[in-house]
Amino acid sequence: MTHAAQVPTPYEAAASAAATLAELTGVERHDIALVLGSGWLPAVDALGEATAEIDTTDLPGFSAAAVAGHSGKIRSIRSGDKNLLVFLSRTHYYEGKGVAAVVHPVRTAAAAGCSAIVLTNGCGGLKEGWQPGQPVLISDHINLTGTSPIVGANFVDLTDLYSPRLRAMCKEVDGTLDEGVYVQFPGPHYETPAEVRMAGSMGGHLVGMSTTLEAIAAREAGMEVLGISLVTNLAAGLSGEPLNHEEVLEAGRAAASRMGGLLSQVVARI
């Protein structure tokens, strides 16, 4: 009688990806992970010298980047005395690969030794006075995907999910930084003006299609979480203009050097 092969748990899959990562990069243990969202790519060069760069598909459980502005690479960077693990793309929930695929990089980073993670994204901004190209710290989130990366009856506390310590550190580096509540919609369509108004009346300031599920998985894994949104456009209905993805990438390119400088200084202090 034959038995079907045992499917690995998400945590076993992450451990196996972390082992392959150590082998391919020659770095036994990483300290801090960064996930770079739409438009953040140019910021990575400011972080330090890349000691290795691999394709995401070289690691078990990862799939190729599916979105313009995301590079399907993972870079290992030496910054001061720390090894940074930088994901130059992410899997979005709207790609339909399931929530475990969305948070697999986060779990891999935890299995690789990372104690902190910086999650970045490009998003729509709701607050008056915010300009495209402006970075905003995430203080809290509202997850409208209707799902969770956590399996079973494991009740993870999300109070202070976005580390007050790391946010304070960012403000020491750049006192002009504002912060706000990030609202994740499932996507991939942009939010309607009515949905944007709903997000605002719920207490949201930033709207996008990523980050919250990764943050929950990072907290479950015991990592300290820093979230930074790049306001790439005013949310639907606020500017009177239609939304497009190219605008998102353009705002990212324009803000890249500021973002790189901010990230490199913050990472040095974590």
C-alpha atoms as a PDB file:
ATOM      1  CA  MET A   1       0.000   0.000   0.000  1.00  0.00           C
ATOM      2  CA  THR A   2       1.500   3.375  -0.966  1.00  0.00           C
ATOM      3  CA  HIS A   3       1.125   6.500   1.109  1.00  0.00           C
ATOM      4  CA  ALA A   4       0.790   9.949  -0.455  1.00  0.00           C
ATOM      5  CA  ALA A   5       3.843  12.115   0.189  1.00  0.00           C
ATOM      6  CA  GLN A   6       3.437  14.280   3.260  1.00  0.00           C
ATOM      7  CA  VAL A   7       2.939  17.926   2.258  1.00  0.00           C
ATOM      8  CA  PRO A   8       5.330  20.093   4.304  1.00  0.00           C
ATOM      9  CA  THR A   9       3.777  22.646   6.653  1.00  0.00           C
ATOM     10  CA  PRO A  10       4.369  26.327   5.763  1.00  0.00           C
ATOM     11  CA  TYR A  11       6.998  26.411   8.529  1.00  0.00           C
ATOM     12  CA  GLU A  12       8.860  23.352   7.194  1.00  0.00           C
ATOM     13  CA  ALA A  13       8.734  24.888   3.692  1.00  0.00           C
ATOM     14  CA  ALA A  14      10.291  28.092   5.100  1.00  0.00           C
ATOM     15  CA  ALA A  15      13.027  26.151   6.926  1.00  0.00           C
ATOM     16  CA  SER A  16      13.892  24.341   3.709  1.00  0.00           C
ATOM     17  CA  ALA A  17      14.008  27.642   1.747  1.00  0.00           C
ATOM     18  CA  ALA A  18      16.231  29.173   4.466  1.00  0.00           C
ATOM     19  CA  ALA A  19      18.646  26.241   4.246  1.00  0.00           C
ATOM     20  CA  THR A  20      18.900  26.651   0.454  1.00  0.00           C
ATOM     21  CA  LEU A  21      19.333  30.409   0.908  1.00  0.00           C
ATOM     22  CA  ALA A  22      22.306  29.905   3.264  1.00  0.00           C
ATOM     23  CA  GLU A  23      23.845  27.500   0.764  1.00  0.00           C
ATOM     24  CA  LEU A  24      23.421  29.771  -2.279  1.00  0.00           C
ATOM     25  CA  THR A  25      24.429  33.055  -0.607  1.00  0.00           C
ATOM     26  CA  GLY A  26      27.184  31.648   1.598  1.00  0.00           C
ATOM     27  CA  VAL A  27      25.642  33.617   4.475  1.00  0.00           C
ATOM     28  CA  GLU A  28      24.829  31.331   7.366  1.00  0.00           C
ATOM     29  CA  ARG A  29      22.528  33.748   9.141  1.00  0.00           C
ATOM     30  CA  HIS A  30      20.741  36.967   8.188  1.00  0.00           C
ATOM     31  CA  ASP A  31      19.787  39.653  10.718  1.00  0.00           C
ATOM     32  CA  ILE A  32      17.216  41.968   9.125  1.00  0.00           C
ATOM     33  CA  ALA A  33      14.856  41.371   6.209  1.00  0.00           C
ATOM     34  CA  LEU A  34      13.419  44.006   3.872  1.00  0.00           C
ATOM     35  CA  VAL A  35      10.537  43.518   1.451  1.00  0.00           C
ATOM     36  CA  LEU A  36      10.584  46.188  -1.248  1.00  0.00           C
ATOM     37  CA  GLY A  37       7.212  47.164  -2.723  1.00  0.00           C
ATOM     38  CA  SER A  38       6.227  48.919  -5.939  1.00  0.00           C
ATOM     39  CA  GLY A  39       8.578  51.757  -6.764  1.00  0.00           C
ATOM     40  CA  TRP A  40      11.105  50.968  -3.999  1.00  0.00           C
ATOM     41  CA  LEU A  41      13.590  49.100  -6.181  1.00  0.00           C
ATOM     42  CA  PRO A  42      16.054  51.997  -6.756  1.00  0.00           C
ATOM     43  CA  ALA A  43      16.411  52.478  -2.985  1.00  0.00           C
ATOM     44  CA  VAL A  44      18.206  49.179  -2.534  1.00  0.00           C
ATOM     45  CA  ASP A  45      21.593  50.371  -3.806  1.00  0.00           C
ATOM     46  CA  ALA A  46      21.960  52.726  -0.851  1.00  0.00           C
ATOM     47  CA  LEU A  47      21.794  49.836   1.618  1.00  0.00           C
ATOM     48  CA  GLY A  48      25.297  48.497   1.151  1.00  0.00           C
ATOM     49  CA  GLU A  49      27.293  46.070  -0.923  1.00  0.00           C
ATOM     50  CA  ALA A  50      25.508  43.035  -2.313  1.00  0.00           C
ATOM     51  CA  THR A  51      27.410  39.885  -1.358  1.00  0.00           C
ATOM     52  CA  ALA A  52      25.034  37.657  -3.340  1.00  0.00           C
ATOM     53  CA  GLU A  53      21.978  37.933  -5.558  1.00  0.00           C
ATOM     54  CA  ILE A  54      19.773  34.998  -6.464  1.00  0.00           C
ATOM     55  CA  ASP A  55      16.510  34.504  -8.333  1.00  0.00           C
ATOM     56  CA  THR A  56      13.516  33.996  -6.054  1.00  0.00           C
ATOM     57  CA  THR A  57      12.768  30.864  -8.061  1.00  0.00           C
ATOM     58  CA  ASP A  58      16.088  29.354  -6.888  1.00  0.00           C
ATOM     59  CA  LEU A  59      14.469  28.825  -3.490  1.00  0.00           C
ATOM     60  CA  PRO A  60      11.792  26.215  -2.827  1.00  0.00           C
ATOM     61  CA  GLY A  61       8.278  27.635  -2.447  1.00  0.00           C
ATOM     62  CA  PHE A  62       8.940  30.919  -4.268  1.00  0.00           C
ATOM     63  CA  SER A  63       7.404  31.927  -7.583  1.00  0.00           C
ATOM     64  CA  ALA A  64       8.546  34.453 -10.187  1.00  0.00           C
ATOM     65  CA  ALA A  65       7.617  38.141  -9.801  1.00  0.00           C
ATOM     66  CA  ALA A  66       4.276  38.858 -11.451  1.00  0.00           C
ATOM     67  CA  VAL A  67       4.060  42.651 -11.215  1.00  0.00           C
ATOM     68  CA  ALA A  68       5.838  45.435 -13.143  1.00  0.00           C
ATOM     69  CA  GLY A  69       8.241  47.321 -10.883  1.00  0.00           C
ATOM     70  CA  HIS A  70       9.094  44.167  -8.933  1.00  0.00           C
ATOM     71  CA  SER A  71      12.322  42.304  -9.713  1.00  0.00           C
ATOM     72  CA  GLY A  72      12.220  38.573  -8.989  1.00  0.00           C
ATOM     73  CA  LYS A  73      15.489  38.670  -7.054  1.00  0.00           C
ATOM     74  CA  ILE A  74      16.668  38.216  -3.501  1.00  0.00           C
ATOM     75  CA  ARG A  75      19.800  40.083  -2.488  1.00  0.00           C
ATOM     76  CA  SER A  76      22.083  39.448   0.465  1.00  0.00           C
ATOM     77  CA  ILE A  77      23.708  42.724   1.524  1.00  0.00           C
ATOM     78  CA  ARG A  78      26.414  43.397   4.075  1.00  0.00           C
ATOM     79  CA  SER A  79      25.609  46.654   5.878  1.00  0.00           C
ATOM     80  CA  GLY A  80      28.008  47.518   8.700  1.00  0.00           C
ATOM     81  CA  ASP A  81      28.042  44.439  10.925  1.00  0.00           C
ATOM     82  CA  LYS A  82      24.661  43.163   9.733  1.00  0.00           C
ATOM     83  CA  ASN A  83      23.548  40.819   6.986  1.00  0.00           C
ATOM     84  CA  LEU A  84      20.444  42.121   5.251  1.00  0.00           C
ATOM     85  CA  LEU A  85      18.094  39.862   3.334  1.00  0.00           C
ATOM     86  CA  VAL A  86      16.351  41.976   0.698  1.00  0.00           C
ATOM     87  CA  PHE A  87      13.376  40.685  -1.263  1.00  0.00           C
ATOM     88  CA  LEU A  88      13.121  42.734  -4.451  1.00  0.00           C
ATOM     89  CA  SER A  89       9.595  41.484  -5.097  1.00  0.00           C
ATOM     90  CA  ARG A  90       6.641  40.029  -3.212  1.00  0.00           C
ATOM     91  CA  THR A  91       3.757  37.694  -3.972  1.00  0.00           C
ATOM     92  CA  HIS A  92       0.471  39.591  -3.724  1.00  0.00           C
ATOM     93  CA  TYR A  93      -2.719  38.054  -2.382  1.00  0.00           C
ATOM     94  CA  TYR A  94      -4.525  38.970  -5.627  1.00  0.00           C
ATOM     95  CA  GLU A  95      -2.252  36.663  -7.617  1.00  0.00           C
ATOM     96  CA  GLY A  96      -4.438  33.815  -6.360  1.00  0.00           C
ATOM     97  CA  LYS A  97      -1.576  31.624  -5.107  1.00  0.00           C
ATOM     98  CA  GLY A  98      -2.983  31.485  -1.584  1.00  0.00           C
ATOM     99  CA  VAL A  99      -2.059  33.240   1.631  1.00  0.00           C
ATOM    100  CA  ALA A 100       0.789  30.823   2.485  1.00  0.00           C
ATOM    101  CA  ALA A 101       2.597  31.891  -0.725  1.00  0.00           C
ATOM    102  CA  VAL A 102       2.151  35.563   0.195  1.00  0.00           C
ATOM    103  CA  VAL A 103       3.903  35.152   3.555  1.00  0.00           C
ATOM    104  CA  HIS A 104       6.459  32.499   2.540  1.00  0.00           C
ATOM    105  CA  PRO A 105       9.271  35.122   2.172  1.00  0.00           C
ATOM    106  CA  VAL A 106       8.542  36.437   5.687  1.00  0.00           C
ATOM    107  CA  ARG A 107       8.651  32.950   7.182  1.00  0.00           C
ATOM    108  CA  THR A 108      11.812  32.171   5.225  1.00  0.00           C
ATOM    109  CA  ALA A 109      13.431  35.334   6.640  1.00  0.00           C
ATOM    110  CA  ALA A 110      12.497  34.263  10.177  1.00  0.00           C
ATOM    111  CA  ALA A 111      13.911  30.775   9.549  1.00  0.00           C
ATOM    112  CA  ALA A 112      17.093  32.422   8.172  1.00  0.00           C
ATOM    113  CA  GLY A 113      17.635  34.159  11.524  1.00  0.00           C
ATOM    114  CA  CYS A 114      16.095  37.616  10.947  1.00  0.00           C
ATOM    115  CA  SER A 115      14.801  39.242  14.136  1.00  0.00           C
ATOM    116  CA  ALA A 116      13.344  42.309  12.406  1.00  0.00           C
ATOM    117  CA  ILE A 117      11.644  42.977   9.086  1.00  0.00           C
ATOM    118  CA  VAL A 118      10.992  46.184   7.134  1.00  0.00           C
ATOM    119  CA  LEU A 119       7.875  45.950   4.963  1.00  0.00           C
ATOM    120  CA  THR A 120       7.500  48.645   2.315  1.00  0.00           C
ATOM    121  CA  ASN A 121       4.800  49.343  -0.249  1.00  0.00           C
ATOM    122  CA  GLY A 122       3.497  51.886  -2.711  1.00  0.00           C
ATOM    123  CA  CYS A 123       0.004  53.053  -1.826  1.00  0.00           C
ATOM    124  CA  GLY A 124      -2.723  55.653  -2.164  1.00  0.00           C
ATOM    125  CA  GLY A 125      -2.743  58.424   0.444  1.00  0.00           C
ATOM    126  CA  LEU A 126      -5.884  59.860   2.027  1.00  0.00           C
ATOM    127  CA  LYS A 127      -4.495  62.564   4.262  1.00  0.00           C
ATOM    128  CA  GLU A 128      -4.728  66.146   3.066  1.00  0.00           C
ATOM    129  CA  GLY A 129      -1.334  67.647   2.393  1.00  0.00           C
ATOM    130  CA  TRP A 130       0.375  64.340   1.571  1.00  0.00           C
ATOM    131  CA  GLN A 131       2.202  64.413  -1.754  1.00  0.00           C
ATOM    132  CA  PRO A 132       3.118  61.623  -4.165  1.00  0.00           C
ATOM    133  CA  GLY A 133       6.646  60.443  -3.318  1.00  0.00           C
ATOM    134  CA  GLN A 134       6.190  60.960   0.424  1.00  0.00           C
ATOM    135  CA  PRO A 135       7.170  58.164   2.842  1.00  0.00           C
ATOM    136  CA  VAL A 136       4.741  57.487   5.709  1.00  0.00           C
ATOM    137  CA  LEU A 137       5.307  55.151   8.662  1.00  0.00           C
ATOM    138  CA  ILE A 138       2.590  52.556   9.214  1.00  0.00           C
ATOM    139  CA  SER A 139       1.275  52.860  12.775  1.00  0.00           C
ATOM    140  CA  ASP A 140      -1.442  50.184  12.500  1.00  0.00           C
ATOM    141  CA  HIS A 141      -3.486  48.372   9.873  1.00  0.00           C
ATOM    142  CA  ILE A 142      -6.958  47.259   8.834  1.00  0.00           C
ATOM    143  CA  ASN A 143      -6.932  43.950   6.969  1.00  0.00           C
ATOM    144  CA  LEU A 144      -9.849  43.807   4.505  1.00  0.00           C
ATOM    145  CA  THR A 145      -8.707  40.629   2.738  1.00  0.00           C
ATOM    146  CA  GLY A 146     -10.978  38.482   4.899  1.00  0.00           C
ATOM    147  CA  THR A 147      -8.143  36.032   5.554  1.00  0.00           C
ATOM    148  CA  SER A 148      -5.166  35.344   7.830  1.00  0.00           C
ATOM    149  CA  PRO A 149      -1.814  33.614   7.308  1.00  0.00           C
ATOM    150  CA  ILE A 150      -2.087  31.922  10.710  1.00  0.00           C
ATOM    151  CA  VAL A 151      -3.179  28.303  10.679  1.00  0.00           C
ATOM    152  CA  GLY A 152      -5.329  26.802  13.420  1.00  0.00           C
ATOM    153  CA  ALA A 153      -6.197  28.067  16.879  1.00  0.00           C
ATOM    154  CA  ASN A 154      -3.084  30.172  17.373  1.00  0.00           C
ATOM    155  CA  PHE A 155      -4.234  33.496  18.772  1.00  0.00           C
ATOM    156  CA  VAL A 156      -1.520  36.006  17.942  1.00  0.00           C
ATOM    157  CA  ASP A 157      -1.668  39.401  19.653  1.00  0.00           C
ATOM    158  CA  LEU A 158      -1.418  42.299  17.192  1.00  0.00           C
ATOM    159  CA  THR A 159      -1.257  45.152  19.701  1.00  0.00           C
ATOM    160  CA  ASP A 160       1.716  47.331  18.702  1.00  0.00           C
ATOM    161  CA  LEU A 161       2.269  45.137  15.642  1.00  0.00           C
ATOM    162  CA  TYR A 162       4.170  47.993  13.965  1.00  0.00           C
ATOM    163  CA  SER A 163       6.999  48.479  16.433  1.00  0.00           C
ATOM    164  CA  PRO A 164       6.791  51.815  18.309  1.00  0.00           C
ATOM    165  CA  ARG A 165      10.539  51.480  18.985  1.00  0.00           C
ATOM    166  CA  LEU A 166      11.413  51.252  15.290  1.00  0.00           C
ATOM    167  CA  ARG A 167       9.005  54.050  14.376  1.00  0.00           C
ATOM    168  CA  ALA A 168      10.602  56.312  16.987  1.00  0.00           C
ATOM    169  CA  MET A 169      14.001  55.423  15.536  1.00  0.00           C
ATOM    170  CA  CYS A 170      12.820  56.447  12.039  1.00  0.00           C
ATOM    171  CA  LYS A 171      11.665  59.796  13.391  1.00  0.00           C
ATOM    172  CA  GLU A 172      15.081  60.368  14.966  1.00  0.00           C
ATOM    173  CA  VAL A 173      16.572  59.883  11.484  1.00  0.00           C
ATOM    174  CA  ASP A 174      13.907  62.002   9.759  1.00  0.00           C
ATOM    175  CA  GLY A 175      11.766  64.228  11.980  1.00  0.00           C
ATOM    176  CA  THR A 176       9.420  65.117   9.115  1.00  0.00           C
ATOM    177  CA  LEU A 177       8.009  61.575   8.823  1.00  0.00           C
ATOM    178  CA  ASP A 178       4.262  61.281   9.311  1.00  0.00           C
ATOM    179  CA  GLU A 179       2.462  58.064  10.193  1.00  0.00           C
ATOM    180  CA  GLY A 180      -0.896  56.507   9.447  1.00  0.00           C
ATOM    181  CA  VAL A 181      -3.143  53.432   9.400  1.00  0.00           C
ATOM    182  CA  TYR A 182      -2.734  51.200   6.328  1.00  0.00           C
ATOM    183  CA  VAL A 183      -5.839  49.549   4.866  1.00  0.00           C
ATOM    184  CA  GLN A 184      -5.303  46.484   2.694  1.00  0.00           C
ATOM    185  CA  PHE A 185      -7.894  45.784   0.018  1.00  0.00           C
ATOM    186  CA  PRO A 186      -7.718  42.479  -1.869  1.00  0.00           C
ATOM    187  CA  GLY A 187      -7.090  44.084  -5.332  1.00  0.00           C
ATOM    188  CA  PRO A 188      -5.935  43.864  -8.061  1.00  0.00           C
ATOM    189  CA  HIS A 189      -8.419  46.548  -9.143  1.00  0.00           C
ATOM    190  CA  TYR A 190      -7.887  49.927  -7.502  1.00  0.00           C
ATOM    191  CA  GLU A 191     -10.364  51.011  -4.835  1.00  0.00           C
ATOM    192  CA  THR A 192     -13.469  52.941  -5.866  1.00  0.00           C
ATOM    193  CA  PRO A 193     -13.898  56.487  -4.533  1.00  0.00           C
ATOM    194  CA  ALA A 194     -16.666  55.156  -2.246  1.00  0.00           C
ATOM    195  CA  GLU A 195     -14.332  52.448  -0.882  1.00  0.00           C
ATOM    196  CA  VAL A 196     -11.670  55.082  -0.253  1.00  0.00           C
ATOM    197  CA  ARG A 197     -14.204  57.164   1.706  1.00  0.00           C
ATOM    198  CA  MET A 198     -15.133  54.021   3.663  1.00  0.00           C
ATOM    199  CA  ALA A 199     -11.454  53.385   4.482  1.00  0.00           C
ATOM    200  CA  GLY A 200     -11.153  56.982   5.713  1.00  0.00           C
ATOM    201  CA  SER A 201     -14.250  56.752   7.874  1.00  0.00           C
ATOM    202  CA  MET A 202     -12.860  53.538   9.421  1.00  0.00           C
ATOM    203  CA  GLY A 203      -9.729  55.432  10.462  1.00  0.00           C
ATOM    204  CA  GLY A 204      -7.503  54.564   7.500  1.00  0.00           C
ATOM    205  CA  HIS A 205      -4.971  56.940   5.937  1.00  0.00           C
ATOM    206  CA  LEU A 206      -3.223  54.693   3.390  1.00  0.00           C
ATOM    207  CA  VAL A 207      -4.825  52.219   0.967  1.00  0.00           C
ATOM    208  CA  GLY A 208      -3.046  49.404  -0.851  1.00  0.00           C
ATOM    209  CA  MET A 209      -2.971  45.720  -1.742  1.00  0.00           C
ATOM    210  CA  SER A 210      -0.168  44.223   0.364  1.00  0.00           C
ATOM    211  CA  THR A 211       1.672  44.231   3.703  1.00  0.00           C
ATOM    212  CA  THR A 212      -0.934  43.328   6.356  1.00  0.00           C
ATOM    213  CA  LEU A 213      -0.753  39.545   5.878  1.00  0.00           C
ATOM    214  CA  GLU A 214       3.063  39.681   5.860  1.00  0.00           C
ATOM    215  CA  ALA A 215       3.063  41.768   9.048  1.00  0.00           C
ATOM    216  CA  ILE A 216       0.793  39.246  10.815  1.00  0.00           C
ATOM    217  CA  ALA A 217       3.052  36.349   9.783  1.00  0.00           C
ATOM    218  CA  ALA A 218       6.121  38.292  10.950  1.00  0.00           C
ATOM    219  CA  ARG A 219       4.543  38.893  14.364  1.00  0.00           C
ATOM    220  CA  GLU A 220       3.619  35.215  14.623  1.00  0.00           C
ATOM    221  CA  ALA A 221       7.283  34.375  13.894  1.00  0.00           C
ATOM    222  CA  GLY A 222       8.437  36.752  16.662  1.00  0.00           C
ATOM    223  CA  MET A 223       9.969  39.405  14.409  1.00  0.00           C
ATOM    224  CA  GLU A 224       9.902  43.127  15.113  1.00  0.00           C
ATOM    225  CA  VAL A 225       8.013  44.866  12.284  1.00  0.00           C
ATOM    226  CA  LEU A 226       8.580  48.254  10.652  1.00  0.00           C
ATOM    227  CA  GLY A 227       6.149  49.277   7.904  1.00  0.00           C
ATOM    228  CA  ILE A 228       6.830  52.184   5.534  1.00  0.00           C
ATOM    229  CA  SER A 229       4.430  53.256   2.784  1.00  0.00           C
ATOM    230  CA  LEU A 230       5.439  55.391  -0.138  1.00  0.00           C
ATOM    231  CA  VAL A 231       2.451  57.554  -1.063  1.00  0.00           C
ATOM    232  CA  THR A 232       2.608  57.110  -4.819  1.00  0.00           C
ATOM    233  CA  ASN A 233      -0.714  58.753  -5.611  1.00  0.00           C
ATOM    234  CA  LEU A 234      -3.703  60.370  -3.968  1.00  0.00           C
ATOM    235  CA  ALA A 235      -6.338  57.674  -3.455  1.00  0.00           C
ATOM    236  CA  ALA A 236      -9.224  57.352  -5.933  1.00  0.00           C
ATOM    237  CA  GLY A 237     -11.595  60.294  -5.957  1.00  0.00           C
ATOM    238  CA  LEU A 238      -9.226  62.678  -4.166  1.00  0.00           C
ATOM    239  CA  SER A 239      -7.294  64.113  -7.107  1.00  0.00           C
ATOM    240  CA  GLY A 240      -9.972  63.942  -9.793  1.00  0.00           C
ATOM    241  CA  GLU A 241      -7.520  61.934 -11.945  1.00  0.00           C
ATOM    242  CA  PRO A 242      -7.707  58.234 -12.907  1.00  0.00           C
ATOM    243  CA  LEU A 243      -5.140  55.897 -11.304  1.00  0.00           C
ATOM    244  CA  ASN A 244      -2.427  54.017 -13.164  1.00  0.00           C
ATOM    245  CA  HIS A 245       0.436  51.706 -12.190  1.00  0.00           C
ATOM    246  CA  GLU A 246       3.065  53.648 -14.157  1.00  0.00           C
ATOM    247  CA  GLU A 247       2.378  56.684 -11.949  1.00  0.00           C
ATOM    248  CA  VAL A 248       3.074  54.505  -8.925  1.00  0.00           C
ATOM    249  CA  LEU A 249       6.480  53.458 -10.294  1.00  0.00           C
ATOM    250  CA  GLU A 250       7.363  57.010 -11.348  1.00  0.00           C
ATOM    251  CA  ALA A 251       6.694  58.398  -7.861  1.00  0.00           C
ATOM    252  CA  GLY A 252       8.889  55.618  -6.492  1.00  0.00           C
ATOM    253  CA  ARG A 253      11.770  56.449  -8.798  1.00  0.00           C
ATOM    254  CA  ALA A 254      11.535  60.113  -7.826  1.00  0.00           C
ATOM    255  CA  ALA A 255      11.704  59.323  -4.105  1.00  0.00           C
ATOM    256  CA  ALA A 256      14.236  56.493  -4.367  1.00  0.00           C
ATOM    257  CA  SER A 257      17.341  58.247  -3.085  1.00  0.00           C
ATOM    258  CA  ARG A 258      15.523  59.634  -0.054  1.00  0.00           C
ATOM    259  CA  MET A 259      14.114  56.162   0.667  1.00  0.00           C
ATOM    260  CA  GLY A 260      17.515  54.502   0.312  1.00  0.00           C
ATOM    261  CA  GLY A 261      19.091  57.001   2.697  1.00  0.00           C
ATOM    262  CA  LEU A 262      16.293  56.526   5.231  1.00  0.00           C
ATOM    263  CA  LEU A 263      16.444  52.718   5.058  1.00  0.00           C
ATOM    264  CA  SER A 264      20.236  52.549   5.359  1.00  0.00           C
ATOM    265  CA  GLN A 265      20.270  54.801   8.425  1.00  0.00           C
ATOM    266  CA  VAL A 266      17.385  52.980  10.098  1.00  0.00           C
ATOM    267  CA  VAL A 267      18.774  49.514   9.387  1.00  0.00           C
ATOM    268  CA  ALA A 268      22.078  50.540  10.966  1.00  0.00           C
ATOM    269  CA  ARG A 269      20.239  51.265  14.225  1.00  0.00           C
ATOM    270  CA  ILE A 270      17.906  48.244  14.426  1.00  0.00           C
END
